[in-house]
N, C-alpha and C. Protein backbone atom coordinates (compact mmCIF):
# COMPACT_ATOMS: atom_id res chain seq x y z
N MET A 1 111.68 106.56 60.86
CA MET A 1 110.76 105.81 60.26
C MET A 1 110.33 105.92 59.55
N VAL A 2 110.37 105.17 58.91
CA VAL A 2 110.75 104.99 57.35
C VAL A 2 108.58 105.25 57.49
N ARG A 3 109.00 105.98 56.23
CA ARG A 3 107.67 106.10 55.33
C ARG A 3 107.22 106.13 54.11
N PRO A 4 106.02 105.53 53.71
CA PRO A 4 105.51 105.40 51.94
C PRO A 4 106.39 106.73 50.89
N LEU A 5 106.09 106.09 49.74
CA LEU A 5 106.09 106.97 49.07
C LEU A 5 105.20 108.36 48.87
N LEU A 6 104.30 107.63 49.24
CA LEU A 6 102.20 107.72 48.60
C LEU A 6 101.25 107.76 49.21
N GLU A 7 101.10 108.69 50.55
CA GLU A 7 100.11 108.84 51.32
C GLU A 7 98.71 108.06 51.32
N THR A 8 98.65 107.56 51.46
CA THR A 8 97.28 106.89 51.22
C THR A 8 96.45 106.77 52.68
N ALA A 9 94.32 106.73 52.14
CA ALA A 9 93.94 105.98 53.34
C ALA A 9 93.32 105.32 53.39
N GLU A 10 93.70 104.29 52.82
CA GLU A 10 93.33 102.94 52.74
C GLU A 10 93.60 101.81 54.07
N THR A 11 93.20 101.41 54.64
CA THR A 11 92.82 100.64 55.65
C THR A 11 94.12 99.48 56.14
N ILE A 12 94.88 99.55 56.94
CA ILE A 12 95.91 98.69 57.09
C ILE A 12 95.94 97.75 57.68
N PRO A 13 95.83 96.39 57.80
CA PRO A 13 95.53 94.94 58.05
C PRO A 13 96.51 94.84 59.61
N SER A 14 94.97 94.57 60.67
CA SER A 14 96.31 94.40 61.98
C SER A 14 97.25 94.12 61.51
N ASP A 15 97.85 92.55 60.78
CA ASP A 15 98.87 91.71 60.38
C ASP A 15 99.40 91.87 59.86
N GLU A 16 100.35 92.73 58.95
CA GLU A 16 100.35 92.52 57.08
C GLU A 16 101.06 91.25 57.40
N VAL A 17 102.01 90.35 58.01
CA VAL A 17 102.68 89.50 57.95
C VAL A 17 101.93 88.41 57.74
N ALA A 18 100.93 88.26 58.56
CA ALA A 18 99.96 87.10 58.71
C ALA A 18 99.33 87.20 57.50
N TRP A 19 99.66 88.08 57.23
CA TRP A 19 97.92 88.73 56.10
C TRP A 19 99.40 87.75 54.74
N ALA A 20 100.51 88.80 54.77
CA ALA A 20 101.58 88.36 53.48
C ALA A 20 101.82 86.96 53.17
N GLY A 21 101.49 86.15 54.19
CA GLY A 21 101.56 85.08 54.25
C GLY A 21 100.99 83.87 54.28
N ALA A 22 99.51 84.73 53.83
CA ALA A 22 98.33 83.42 53.86
C ALA A 22 98.50 83.27 51.95
N ALA A 23 98.95 84.85 52.01
CA ALA A 23 99.17 85.51 50.27
C ALA A 23 100.12 84.46 49.12
N ALA A 24 101.31 84.25 50.07
CA ALA A 24 102.53 83.50 50.05
C ALA A 24 102.35 82.15 49.72
N SER A 25 101.35 81.46 50.34
CA SER A 25 100.48 80.15 50.58
C SER A 25 100.22 79.70 49.38
N GLY A 26 99.35 80.83 48.60
CA GLY A 26 98.09 80.35 48.13
C GLY A 26 97.06 81.16 47.94
N ASP A 27 96.87 81.27 49.04
CA ASP A 27 95.41 81.47 49.38
C ASP A 27 94.96 82.12 48.94
N PRO A 28 94.09 81.84 47.87
CA PRO A 28 93.07 82.82 47.12
C PRO A 28 92.52 83.88 47.30
N HIS A 29 91.48 84.11 49.11
CA HIS A 29 90.84 85.33 49.72
C HIS A 29 91.99 85.80 49.29
N ALA A 30 93.32 85.84 50.26
CA ALA A 30 94.19 87.06 51.05
C ALA A 30 94.95 87.07 49.63
N ARG A 31 95.07 86.49 48.78
CA ARG A 31 95.61 87.13 47.52
C ARG A 31 95.33 88.13 46.96
N ARG A 32 93.40 87.61 46.90
CA ARG A 32 92.28 88.76 45.71
C ARG A 32 91.88 89.32 47.27
N LYS A 33 92.10 89.96 48.19
CA LYS A 33 91.95 90.97 48.78
C LYS A 33 93.45 91.76 49.02
N LEU A 34 94.57 90.74 48.98
CA LEU A 34 96.32 91.67 48.91
C LEU A 34 96.00 92.99 47.83
N VAL A 35 96.13 92.14 45.76
CA VAL A 35 95.51 92.82 45.31
C VAL A 35 94.58 93.94 45.39
N GLU A 36 93.51 93.96 45.64
CA GLU A 36 92.28 95.59 46.17
C GLU A 36 92.83 95.62 47.13
N HIS A 37 93.43 95.61 47.59
CA HIS A 37 94.70 96.98 48.21
C HIS A 37 95.69 97.40 48.03
N LEU A 38 96.39 97.02 47.41
CA LEU A 38 97.59 97.41 46.37
C LEU A 38 96.99 98.18 45.53
N LEU A 39 96.63 97.80 44.66
CA LEU A 39 96.42 98.27 42.90
C LEU A 39 96.04 99.36 43.47
N PRO A 40 95.53 99.47 43.83
CA PRO A 40 95.25 101.25 43.59
C PRO A 40 96.68 102.06 44.11
N ARG A 41 97.34 101.88 45.12
CA ARG A 41 98.39 102.23 45.09
C ARG A 41 99.85 102.70 44.45
N VAL A 42 99.41 101.18 44.48
CA VAL A 42 100.45 100.58 43.09
C VAL A 42 100.39 101.40 42.00
N ARG A 43 98.73 101.39 41.15
CA ARG A 43 98.32 102.23 39.55
C ARG A 43 98.82 104.05 39.66
N ARG A 44 98.98 104.20 41.70
CA ARG A 44 99.63 106.01 41.10
C ARG A 44 100.97 106.33 41.29
N THR A 45 101.41 104.98 42.37
CA THR A 45 102.79 105.19 41.97
C THR A 45 103.51 105.03 41.41
N LEU A 46 102.56 104.73 40.08
CA LEU A 46 103.55 104.10 39.06
C LEU A 46 103.11 104.84 37.59
N SER A 47 101.77 105.77 38.12
CA SER A 47 101.53 107.02 37.02
C SER A 47 102.08 108.22 36.94
N TYR A 48 102.93 108.63 38.86
CA TYR A 48 103.53 108.95 38.27
C TYR A 48 105.24 109.52 37.55
N LEU A 49 105.26 107.76 37.19
CA LEU A 49 106.82 107.70 36.65
C LEU A 49 106.04 106.83 35.09
N SER A 50 105.24 107.14 34.60
CA SER A 50 104.74 107.11 33.00
C SER A 50 104.25 107.87 32.44
N GLN A 51 104.75 107.60 31.12
CA GLN A 51 104.87 109.20 30.05
C GLN A 51 102.76 109.32 29.51
N ASN A 52 101.83 107.75 29.49
CA ASN A 52 100.59 108.31 29.63
C ASN A 52 99.92 106.71 29.95
N SER A 53 98.45 106.77 29.64
CA SER A 53 97.70 105.89 30.56
C SER A 53 98.16 104.27 29.67
N THR A 54 98.05 103.92 29.15
CA THR A 54 98.47 102.91 28.61
C THR A 54 100.21 102.26 29.09
N GLU A 55 100.86 102.75 28.70
CA GLU A 55 102.40 102.13 29.59
C GLU A 55 101.81 102.79 31.34
N THR A 56 101.05 103.14 32.36
CA THR A 56 100.22 103.07 33.39
C THR A 56 100.00 101.16 33.28
N ASP A 57 99.47 101.54 32.51
CA ASP A 57 98.95 99.56 32.85
C ASP A 57 99.46 99.10 32.76
N ASP A 58 100.47 98.66 31.51
CA ASP A 58 100.79 97.98 31.90
C ASP A 58 102.66 98.18 32.25
N LEU A 59 102.82 98.73 33.27
CA LEU A 59 103.73 98.91 34.60
C LEU A 59 102.62 98.77 36.08
N THR A 60 102.00 98.75 35.41
CA THR A 60 100.84 98.58 36.90
C THR A 60 100.00 96.82 36.84
N GLN A 61 100.87 96.38 35.65
CA GLN A 61 99.92 95.01 35.70
C GLN A 61 101.96 94.14 35.54
N MET A 62 102.52 94.70 35.19
CA MET A 62 103.74 93.63 35.39
C MET A 62 104.06 93.87 37.28
N GLY A 63 103.90 95.18 37.67
CA GLY A 63 103.79 95.30 39.03
C GLY A 63 103.78 94.67 40.35
N MET A 64 102.56 94.49 39.68
CA MET A 64 101.39 93.79 40.72
C MET A 64 101.85 92.22 40.36
N ILE A 65 102.18 91.70 39.19
CA ILE A 65 102.68 89.78 38.97
C ILE A 65 103.69 90.35 39.79
N GLN A 66 104.69 91.30 39.88
CA GLN A 66 106.22 90.63 40.99
C GLN A 66 105.83 91.48 42.32
N LEU A 67 104.30 91.97 42.68
CA LEU A 67 104.30 92.04 43.89
C LEU A 67 104.07 90.90 44.06
N LEU A 68 103.59 90.04 44.26
CA LEU A 68 102.46 88.53 44.04
C LEU A 68 103.99 87.49 43.94
N ARG A 69 104.67 88.13 42.78
CA ARG A 69 105.91 86.80 43.14
C ARG A 69 106.51 86.63 44.26
N THR A 70 107.15 88.09 44.84
CA THR A 70 107.89 88.23 45.35
C THR A 70 107.01 88.67 47.20
N ILE A 71 106.06 88.32 47.64
CA ILE A 71 105.44 88.91 48.47
C ILE A 71 106.23 88.07 49.57
N HIS A 72 106.72 86.69 49.27
CA HIS A 72 107.10 85.60 49.76
C HIS A 72 107.99 86.31 51.14
N GLN A 73 109.00 87.52 50.66
CA GLN A 73 109.45 87.80 50.56
C GLN A 73 109.12 88.82 51.85
N PHE A 74 108.59 89.32 51.96
CA PHE A 74 107.84 90.11 53.25
C PHE A 74 107.71 89.81 54.42
N ARG A 75 108.52 90.66 55.10
CA ARG A 75 108.98 90.19 56.41
C ARG A 75 108.19 91.43 57.46
N GLY A 76 107.67 91.95 57.68
CA GLY A 76 106.84 93.07 58.26
C GLY A 76 108.18 93.85 59.25
N GLU A 77 109.30 94.80 58.02
CA GLU A 77 110.91 95.28 58.79
C GLU A 77 109.34 97.00 58.29
N CYS A 78 108.95 96.73 57.46
CA CYS A 78 108.16 98.59 56.51
C CYS A 78 106.46 97.60 56.70
N THR A 79 106.18 98.89 56.14
CA THR A 79 105.10 98.88 55.79
C THR A 79 104.41 97.51 54.25
N LEU A 80 103.53 97.54 54.40
CA LEU A 80 103.16 96.42 52.98
C LEU A 80 102.66 97.74 52.01
N ALA A 81 102.12 99.19 51.90
CA ALA A 81 102.10 99.95 51.44
C ALA A 81 103.55 100.82 50.75
N TYR A 82 104.97 101.21 52.21
CA TYR A 82 105.86 101.14 51.31
C TYR A 82 106.86 100.28 50.93
N TRP A 83 106.18 99.21 50.83
CA TRP A 83 106.82 97.32 50.71
C TRP A 83 106.25 97.90 48.87
N ALA A 84 105.13 97.97 48.70
CA ALA A 84 104.43 98.01 47.75
C ALA A 84 104.89 99.16 46.73
N ASP A 85 105.47 100.03 47.58
CA ASP A 85 105.90 100.89 46.29
C ASP A 85 107.25 101.00 46.10
N ARG A 86 108.46 99.85 46.90
CA ARG A 86 109.58 100.13 46.56
C ARG A 86 108.85 98.78 44.91
N VAL A 87 108.62 98.38 45.81
CA VAL A 87 108.56 96.89 44.09
C VAL A 87 107.68 97.54 42.76
N ALA A 88 106.78 98.73 43.49
CA ALA A 88 106.74 99.28 41.54
C ALA A 88 107.92 99.99 41.40
N VAL A 89 108.29 100.70 42.48
CA VAL A 89 109.01 102.31 41.41
C VAL A 89 110.30 101.12 41.10
N ARG A 90 110.89 99.75 41.27
CA ARG A 90 111.91 98.40 41.05
C ARG A 90 112.02 98.48 39.71
N THR A 91 110.00 97.65 39.77
CA THR A 91 109.63 97.53 38.02
C THR A 91 109.70 97.90 37.24
N ALA A 92 109.32 99.59 37.49
CA ALA A 92 109.40 100.34 36.36
C ALA A 92 111.11 100.57 36.19
N ALA A 93 111.74 101.17 37.38
CA ALA A 93 113.14 101.11 36.78
C ALA A 93 113.91 99.95 36.10
N LYS A 94 113.61 98.98 36.71
CA LYS A 94 114.31 97.26 35.72
C LYS A 94 113.38 97.62 34.03
N HIS A 95 112.00 97.99 33.83
CA HIS A 95 110.95 98.38 32.55
C HIS A 95 112.11 99.80 31.95
N PHE A 96 112.70 100.72 32.07
CA PHE A 96 112.95 101.76 31.52
C PHE A 96 113.92 101.56 30.95
N GLU A 97 114.76 101.17 31.87
CA GLU A 97 116.84 100.85 31.41
C GLU A 97 116.71 99.34 30.88
N LYS A 98 115.66 98.32 30.63
CA LYS A 98 115.20 97.28 29.06
C LYS A 98 115.42 98.49 27.97
N ARG A 99 114.28 99.70 28.35
CA ARG A 99 113.65 100.22 27.16
C ARG A 99 115.67 100.55 26.78
N ASN A 100 116.19 101.19 27.57
CA ASN A 100 117.25 102.23 27.17
C ASN A 100 118.70 101.66 26.53
N ARG A 101 117.99 100.67 26.48
CA ARG A 101 119.40 99.09 26.79
C ARG A 101 119.35 99.39 24.66
N ARG A 102 117.93 99.15 24.59
CA ARG A 102 117.29 98.34 23.35
C ARG A 102 117.41 99.63 22.06
N ASP A 103 116.99 101.03 23.12
CA ASP A 103 117.26 101.96 22.32
C ASP A 103 118.62 102.44 21.68
N ARG A 104 119.35 101.80 22.56
CA ARG A 104 121.03 102.13 22.28
C ARG A 104 121.36 101.27 21.80
N LEU A 105 121.35 99.79 21.58
CA LEU A 105 121.15 99.22 20.31
C LEU A 105 121.25 99.07 19.22
N TRP A 106 120.01 100.08 18.73
CA TRP A 106 119.25 100.87 17.60
C TRP A 106 120.53 101.50 17.41
N ARG A 107 120.48 103.07 18.50
CA ARG A 107 121.98 103.96 17.71
C ARG A 107 123.32 102.95 17.55
N LYS A 108 123.30 102.25 18.53
CA LYS A 108 124.54 101.79 17.97
C LYS A 108 124.53 101.06 16.75
N SER A 109 123.76 100.07 16.41
CA SER A 109 123.55 99.96 14.69
C SER A 109 123.76 100.27 13.73
N GLY A 110 123.59 101.52 14.33
CA GLY A 110 123.92 103.04 12.82
C GLY A 110 122.28 103.72 12.56
N PHE A 111 121.22 103.22 13.45
CA PHE A 111 120.31 103.99 13.17
C PHE A 111 119.42 104.32 14.77
N THR A 112 119.00 105.27 14.46
CA THR A 112 118.14 106.07 15.60
C THR A 112 116.67 104.79 16.10
N HIS A 113 115.77 104.37 17.02
CA HIS A 113 114.87 103.45 16.81
C HIS A 113 113.75 104.52 17.54
N VAL A 114 112.78 105.53 17.35
CA VAL A 114 112.15 106.51 17.66
C VAL A 114 111.24 105.66 18.57
N THR A 115 111.13 106.04 19.58
CA THR A 115 109.61 105.66 20.79
C THR A 115 108.58 106.55 20.45
N ARG A 116 107.58 105.94 21.00
CA ARG A 116 106.69 106.46 20.69
C ARG A 116 105.79 106.77 22.38
N ASP A 117 105.53 108.04 22.30
CA ASP A 117 104.61 108.32 24.02
C ASP A 117 102.82 107.53 23.76
N GLY A 118 102.30 107.04 23.02
CA GLY A 118 101.01 106.21 22.64
C GLY A 118 99.70 107.19 21.84
N SER A 119 100.31 108.46 21.97
CA SER A 119 99.43 109.08 21.10
C SER A 119 99.43 109.20 19.70
N GLU A 120 99.84 108.25 19.08
CA GLU A 120 99.60 107.61 17.45
C GLU A 120 100.33 106.42 17.50
N SER A 121 99.87 105.88 16.79
CA SER A 121 100.20 103.96 16.29
C SER A 121 101.08 104.12 14.71
N PRO A 122 102.06 103.62 15.60
CA PRO A 122 102.74 102.76 14.20
C PRO A 122 102.00 103.05 12.55
N SER A 123 102.99 103.41 11.57
CA SER A 123 102.26 102.60 10.52
C SER A 123 102.62 101.51 9.90
N GLN A 124 102.01 101.56 8.95
CA GLN A 124 101.74 99.75 8.41
C GLN A 124 103.49 99.45 7.80
N GLU A 125 103.72 101.09 6.93
CA GLU A 125 104.77 100.77 6.90
C GLU A 125 105.63 100.74 8.08
N GLU A 126 105.71 101.07 8.54
CA GLU A 126 106.80 101.40 9.69
C GLU A 126 106.44 99.71 10.76
N LEU A 127 105.52 99.48 11.12
CA LEU A 127 105.56 97.78 11.37
C LEU A 127 106.79 97.00 10.41
N ALA A 128 105.79 97.03 9.04
CA ALA A 128 106.68 96.15 8.27
C ALA A 128 108.36 97.06 8.33
N ASP A 129 108.71 97.74 8.10
CA ASP A 129 110.31 97.93 8.79
C ASP A 129 110.89 97.14 10.14
N GLN A 130 110.22 97.34 11.12
CA GLN A 130 110.23 96.59 12.46
C GLN A 130 110.19 95.06 12.65
N ARG A 131 109.28 94.61 11.78
CA ARG A 131 109.43 93.23 11.46
C ARG A 131 110.72 92.89 10.09
N ARG A 132 110.63 93.53 9.29
CA ARG A 132 112.09 93.22 8.22
C ARG A 132 113.67 93.34 9.46
N LEU A 133 113.41 93.88 10.27
CA LEU A 133 114.85 94.48 10.69
C LEU A 133 114.89 93.43 12.07
N ARG A 134 113.54 93.02 12.56
CA ARG A 134 113.41 92.00 13.61
C ARG A 134 114.54 90.65 13.20
N ARG A 135 114.01 90.39 12.16
CA ARG A 135 114.35 89.03 11.21
C ARG A 135 115.41 89.47 11.20
N ARG A 136 116.27 90.22 10.05
CA ARG A 136 117.68 90.51 10.15
C ARG A 136 118.64 91.17 11.33
N LEU A 137 117.70 91.45 11.76
CA LEU A 137 118.62 90.56 13.33
C LEU A 137 119.01 89.71 13.66
N VAL A 138 118.30 88.81 13.85
CA VAL A 138 117.81 87.55 14.17
C VAL A 138 118.94 86.53 13.16
N GLU A 139 119.19 87.34 11.80
CA GLU A 139 120.06 86.70 10.88
C GLU A 139 121.37 86.60 11.55
N ILE A 140 121.67 88.08 11.95
CA ILE A 140 122.59 88.54 11.71
C ILE A 140 123.21 87.96 12.98
N LEU A 141 122.63 88.25 14.18
CA LEU A 141 122.69 87.50 15.98
C LEU A 141 123.38 85.77 15.24
N GLY A 142 122.92 85.25 14.35
CA GLY A 142 123.01 83.79 14.42
C GLY A 142 124.59 83.57 13.42
N GLN A 143 125.10 84.58 12.64
CA GLN A 143 126.17 84.24 11.71
C GLN A 143 127.50 84.69 12.84
N MET A 144 126.80 85.53 13.70
CA MET A 144 128.32 86.30 14.09
C MET A 144 128.42 85.07 15.40
N PRO A 145 130.09 85.06 16.26
CA PRO A 145 130.40 83.90 17.50
C PRO A 145 129.03 83.70 17.96
N ALA A 146 128.76 82.85 18.47
CA ALA A 146 127.84 82.03 19.77
C ALA A 146 127.82 83.60 20.73
N HIS A 147 129.61 83.73 21.36
CA HIS A 147 129.99 84.33 22.33
C HIS A 147 129.51 85.57 22.62
N ASN A 148 129.81 86.34 21.04
CA ASN A 148 129.17 87.36 21.12
C ASN A 148 127.43 87.82 20.95
N SER A 149 127.04 86.64 20.70
CA SER A 149 125.50 87.20 20.23
C SER A 149 124.81 86.68 21.43
N VAL A 150 125.15 85.46 22.45
CA VAL A 150 125.04 85.87 23.90
C VAL A 150 125.17 86.38 24.42
N ALA A 151 126.16 87.11 24.57
CA ALA A 151 126.74 88.92 25.27
C ALA A 151 125.43 89.52 25.41
N LEU A 152 124.69 89.73 23.54
CA LEU A 152 124.06 90.95 23.79
C LEU A 152 122.79 90.21 23.56
N VAL A 153 122.17 89.54 23.62
CA VAL A 153 120.83 88.30 23.89
C VAL A 153 120.73 89.44 25.02
N ALA A 154 121.91 88.67 26.60
CA ALA A 154 121.57 88.97 28.07
C ALA A 154 121.47 89.94 28.00
N PHE A 155 122.53 90.93 27.53
CA PHE A 155 122.81 92.75 28.00
C PHE A 155 121.49 93.12 27.71
N TYR A 156 121.17 93.47 26.27
CA TYR A 156 120.15 94.16 25.95
C TYR A 156 118.86 93.95 25.55
N LEU A 157 118.88 92.05 25.24
CA LEU A 157 116.59 91.72 25.53
C LEU A 157 116.59 91.26 26.92
N HIS A 158 117.49 90.48 28.19
CA HIS A 158 117.15 90.22 29.30
C HIS A 158 117.92 91.17 30.40
N ASP A 159 118.07 92.20 29.79
CA ASP A 159 118.25 92.94 31.31
C ASP A 159 118.85 92.28 32.23
N TYR A 160 120.00 92.04 31.89
CA TYR A 160 121.36 91.52 32.99
C TYR A 160 122.33 92.79 32.41
N SER A 161 123.18 93.11 33.74
CA SER A 161 124.18 93.86 33.96
C SER A 161 125.65 93.31 33.49
N ILE A 162 126.69 93.62 32.73
CA ILE A 162 128.03 93.13 32.67
C ILE A 162 128.25 92.42 33.27
N ALA A 163 128.33 92.51 34.50
CA ALA A 163 128.85 91.62 35.68
C ALA A 163 127.78 90.46 35.64
N GLU A 164 125.98 90.26 36.04
CA GLU A 164 126.03 88.94 35.55
C GLU A 164 125.80 88.53 34.49
N VAL A 165 126.11 89.33 33.36
CA VAL A 165 126.22 88.56 32.11
C VAL A 165 127.66 87.69 32.86
N ALA A 166 128.69 88.23 32.68
CA ALA A 166 129.97 87.63 33.21
C ALA A 166 130.03 86.74 34.14
N ASP A 167 128.96 86.73 35.08
CA ASP A 167 129.52 85.18 35.94
C ASP A 167 127.91 84.43 35.17
N LEU A 168 127.31 84.50 34.90
CA LEU A 168 126.75 83.62 33.52
C LEU A 168 127.27 82.74 32.88
N VAL A 169 128.34 83.21 31.70
CA VAL A 169 128.98 82.82 31.16
C VAL A 169 130.37 82.69 31.37
N GLY A 170 130.82 82.34 32.97
CA GLY A 170 132.06 81.79 33.69
C GLY A 170 132.91 83.27 32.53
N CYS A 171 133.46 84.37 32.71
CA CYS A 171 134.75 85.05 31.73
C CYS A 171 134.43 86.19 32.65
N PRO A 172 135.50 87.10 32.46
CA PRO A 172 135.84 88.14 33.62
C PRO A 172 134.54 89.56 32.46
N VAL A 173 134.76 90.46 33.62
CA VAL A 173 133.93 91.79 33.02
C VAL A 173 134.24 92.65 31.47
N ASN A 174 135.68 92.89 31.46
CA ASN A 174 135.91 92.92 30.34
C ASN A 174 135.79 92.37 29.18
N THR A 175 136.13 90.72 29.39
CA THR A 175 135.74 90.29 28.14
C THR A 175 134.61 90.55 27.27
N ILE A 176 133.35 90.54 28.10
CA ILE A 176 132.18 90.35 27.77
C ILE A 176 131.85 92.33 27.40
N ARG A 177 132.66 93.17 28.18
CA ARG A 177 132.52 94.16 27.59
C ARG A 177 133.09 94.33 26.40
N GLY A 178 133.76 93.68 25.47
CA GLY A 178 134.38 92.89 24.20
C GLY A 178 133.52 92.88 23.41
N ARG A 179 132.89 91.65 24.06
CA ARG A 179 131.61 90.92 23.37
C ARG A 179 131.05 91.77 22.93
N LEU A 180 130.57 92.69 23.07
CA LEU A 180 129.36 93.68 23.20
C LEU A 180 130.23 94.18 22.33
N SER A 181 130.63 95.31 22.52
CA SER A 181 132.15 96.05 21.70
C SER A 181 131.46 95.27 19.64
N ARG A 182 132.00 94.29 19.90
CA ARG A 182 132.77 93.78 18.57
C ARG A 182 130.95 93.79 17.87
N GLY A 183 130.30 92.39 19.25
CA GLY A 183 128.30 92.45 18.24
C GLY A 183 127.64 93.57 17.84
N ARG A 184 128.02 94.71 19.10
CA ARG A 184 127.49 96.28 18.40
C ARG A 184 128.24 96.54 16.79
N LYS A 185 129.08 96.44 16.64
CA LYS A 185 129.89 96.85 15.48
C LYS A 185 130.18 95.86 13.75
N ALA A 186 129.67 94.28 15.03
CA ALA A 186 129.17 93.73 13.69
C ALA A 186 127.88 93.95 13.14
N ILE A 187 126.64 94.12 14.46
CA ILE A 187 125.04 94.10 13.59
C ILE A 187 125.45 95.83 12.06
N LYS A 188 125.99 96.79 12.82
CA LYS A 188 126.08 97.70 12.57
C LYS A 188 126.65 98.12 10.92
N LYS A 189 127.91 97.35 10.70
CA LYS A 189 128.46 96.81 9.62
C LYS A 189 127.22 96.29 8.81
N ALA A 190 126.95 95.16 9.57
CA ALA A 190 125.72 94.10 8.06
C ALA A 190 124.60 94.91 7.71
N LEU A 191 124.03 95.68 8.57
CA LEU A 191 123.16 96.51 8.33
C LEU A 191 123.20 97.86 6.64
N GLU A 192 124.70 98.26 7.18
CA GLU A 192 124.74 98.70 6.67
C GLU A 192 125.36 98.43 4.92
N ALA A 193 125.82 97.45 5.00
CA ALA A 193 126.04 96.20 4.13
C ALA A 193 125.23 95.51 2.86
N ASP A 194 123.84 95.81 3.93
CA ASP A 194 122.45 95.06 3.03
C ASP A 194 121.45 96.26 2.20
N PRO A 195 121.34 96.29 1.11
CA PRO A 195 120.78 97.83 0.54
C PRO A 195 119.97 97.74 1.35
N SER A 196 119.07 96.60 1.69
CA SER A 196 117.50 96.68 1.55
C SER A 196 117.35 97.98 3.20
N PHE A 197 118.77 97.73 3.72
CA PHE A 197 118.57 98.96 4.74
C PHE A 197 119.44 100.01 4.99
N ALA A 198 120.36 100.28 3.86
CA ALA A 198 121.53 101.24 3.94
C ALA A 198 120.96 101.89 4.15
N GLU A 199 120.03 103.04 3.32
CA GLU A 199 119.45 103.77 2.87
C GLU A 199 118.21 104.29 3.98
N TRP A 200 117.96 102.61 4.47
CA TRP A 200 116.94 103.61 5.60
C TRP A 200 117.15 104.18 7.01
N ILE A 201 118.29 103.55 6.82
CA ILE A 201 119.82 103.95 8.01
C ILE A 201 120.22 104.94 7.65
N GLN A 202 120.71 105.32 6.43
CA GLN A 202 120.79 106.45 6.71
C GLN A 202 120.26 107.59 6.04
N GLY A 203 119.07 107.72 6.15
CA GLY A 203 117.75 108.87 6.65
C GLY A 203 117.49 108.88 8.31
N ARG A 204 117.84 108.09 8.52
CA ARG A 204 117.67 107.36 10.52
C ARG A 204 119.34 108.59 11.50
N LYS A 205 119.89 108.47 10.59
CA LYS A 205 120.81 109.22 11.71
C LYS A 205 120.83 110.67 11.94
């Protein structure tokens, strides 16, 4: 028997498939009751995966949006509670993988991007550096061959896998790996050659 990740005491509707179907069809009462029923569970699940309350709030919002977007896929093969757990965990995993990919791009560009745990806010100087860096990255992406920048953006910023990027642009997986490698090297080279970034990057290695 498939069991949910976390046991709860919420009352389970007698016909979950019909309830989910009504929510999927846009019934406002069904959608509201679905949120009221599953929100506490989704939040509890994600609180085990989050580093702080702010991240829990963000992930909970993302998880509930994804739950409502995909409620039409619920067929009653498991309980709604278990299905909500699965949506929540997958949403968190996708979020963390996307964040890790961005961090890898920062590091492979020649500097370390330090993520914060929410206990303190970045200084005004750090925020200014981040804004300058984003603008410079956009410039660099615009100067490299389009097929390299497309691969970088699709993989690092939109969370597509290498295989998915290859399918999107219609070329072999190894070609995408090469484009990602060349794109990262181009970013690193451009930033290291930029006087306004060279010292700053060196200090973060």
